[in-house]
């Protein structure tokens, strides 16, 4: 199933973050569906989106916020003139889960 069509499954901790093989499989799928995301230190996903001005970047952030609320999974967001940087990880487990990859794909569809 496409990552962008998956529901983010809430994680309250107690499960391990994705390990190398699982991580590589999710990364390969994300690269096909939504290129541009990078796995950093096996612990988080990052992507910077570029915009022509601040207002466009802010509009994008608001759309990301709507998706995050709907999915119950919230990224860290950095907003500046002409850019938005999204950082994703599952805070409860201190690493990456399926929900991070699903949310990344959903955000990329914006």
Protein backbone atom coordinates (compact mmCIF):
# COMPACT_ATOMS: atom_id res chain seq x y z
CA UNK A 1 0.00 0.00 0.00
CA UNK A 2 1.19 3.52 -0.77
CA UNK A 3 2.67 5.27 2.23
CA UNK A 4 0.53 8.36 1.65
CA UNK A 5 -2.62 6.22 1.94
CA UNK A 6 -1.60 4.64 5.24
CA UNK A 7 -3.00 5.90 8.51
CA UNK A 8 -0.46 7.06 11.07
CA UNK A 9 -0.63 4.56 13.90
CA UNK A 10 -0.17 6.27 17.27
CA UNK A 11 2.84 5.12 19.24
CA UNK A 12 2.96 5.57 22.99
CA UNK A 13 6.37 3.97 23.37
CA UNK A 14 7.30 0.47 24.38
CA UNK A 15 8.12 -0.55 20.81
CA UNK A 16 11.56 -0.26 19.26
CA UNK A 17 12.27 2.22 16.46
CA UNK A 18 12.72 0.80 12.99
CA UNK A 19 15.99 -1.05 12.55
CA UNK A 20 18.31 -0.99 9.57
CA UNK A 21 16.52 -3.43 7.20
CA UNK A 22 13.04 -2.09 7.95
CA UNK A 23 14.32 1.45 7.72
CA UNK A 24 15.90 0.80 4.33
CA UNK A 25 12.67 -0.73 3.01
CA UNK A 26 10.56 2.24 4.13
CA UNK A 27 13.17 4.68 2.78
CA UNK A 28 13.16 2.95 -0.62
CA UNK A 29 9.36 3.16 -0.75
CA UNK A 30 9.40 6.82 0.30
CA UNK A 31 12.05 7.60 -2.33
CA UNK A 32 9.71 6.20 -5.00
CA UNK A 33 6.59 8.00 -3.75
CA UNK A 34 8.07 11.24 -2.42
CA UNK A 35 11.74 11.84 -3.23
CA UNK A 36 13.72 14.40 -1.29
CA UNK A 37 13.45 13.07 2.27
CA UNK A 38 16.67 12.13 4.04
CA UNK A 39 17.13 9.74 6.94
CA UNK A 40 19.48 11.38 9.44
CA UNK A 41 21.46 9.25 11.89
CA UNK A 42 18.85 6.46 11.58
CA UNK A 43 16.69 8.57 13.92
CA UNK A 44 14.75 11.15 11.92
CA UNK A 45 13.52 12.19 8.50
CA UNK A 46 14.25 15.67 7.16
CA UNK A 47 13.29 17.65 4.12
CA UNK A 48 13.48 21.32 3.20
CA UNK A 49 10.80 22.71 0.91
CA UNK A 50 11.52 25.94 -1.03
CA UNK A 51 8.99 28.70 -1.73
CA UNK A 52 9.07 32.04 -3.56
CA UNK A 53 8.16 34.04 -0.45
CA UNK A 54 7.23 33.92 3.22
CA UNK A 55 3.45 33.79 2.69
CA UNK A 56 3.68 30.69 0.47
CA UNK A 57 5.86 28.98 3.07
CA UNK A 58 3.42 29.92 5.83
CA UNK A 59 0.46 28.59 3.82
CA UNK A 60 2.32 25.30 3.41
CA UNK A 61 3.00 25.11 7.16
CA UNK A 62 -0.71 25.56 7.85
CA UNK A 63 -1.55 22.70 5.49
CA UNK A 64 1.08 20.50 7.15
CA UNK A 65 -0.52 21.37 10.50
CA UNK A 66 -3.92 20.24 9.27
CA UNK A 67 -2.54 16.90 8.14
CA UNK A 68 -0.65 16.47 11.41
CA UNK A 69 -3.80 17.08 13.44
CA UNK A 70 -5.82 14.68 11.30
CA UNK A 71 -3.16 11.98 11.63
CA UNK A 72 -2.39 12.61 15.29
CA UNK A 73 1.31 12.72 14.43
CA UNK A 74 3.15 16.03 14.66
CA UNK A 75 6.44 17.01 13.00
CA UNK A 76 8.87 19.68 14.09
CA UNK A 77 8.64 22.56 11.64
CA UNK A 78 11.11 25.36 10.91
CA UNK A 79 9.68 28.29 8.95
CA UNK A 80 11.64 31.08 7.30
CA UNK A 81 11.47 33.37 4.31
CA UNK A 82 11.12 31.04 1.33
CA UNK A 83 11.61 27.74 3.10
CA UNK A 84 10.05 25.19 5.43
CA UNK A 85 12.13 22.47 7.04
CA UNK A 86 10.25 19.43 8.31
CA UNK A 87 11.78 17.07 10.87
CA UNK A 88 9.97 13.83 11.61
CA UNK A 89 10.51 11.15 14.23
CA UNK A 90 8.39 9.34 16.76
CA UNK A 91 9.23 11.13 19.98
CA UNK A 92 7.89 8.34 22.21
CA UNK A 93 10.47 5.87 20.87
CA UNK A 94 13.30 8.27 20.04
CA UNK A 95 13.50 7.10 16.45
CA UNK A 96 11.58 6.33 13.29
CA UNK A 97 8.34 4.40 12.92
CA UNK A 98 5.99 3.61 10.04
CA UNK A 99 3.97 6.71 10.95
CA UNK A 100 6.92 8.98 10.14
CA UNK A 101 7.22 7.63 6.62
CA UNK A 102 3.45 7.79 6.06
CA UNK A 103 3.32 11.40 7.26
CA UNK A 104 6.32 12.34 5.07
CA UNK A 105 4.52 10.95 2.01
CA UNK A 106 1.33 12.83 2.90
CA UNK A 107 3.23 16.09 3.36
CA UNK A 108 4.97 15.65 0.02
CA UNK A 109 1.62 15.42 -1.73
CA UNK A 110 0.88 19.01 -0.76
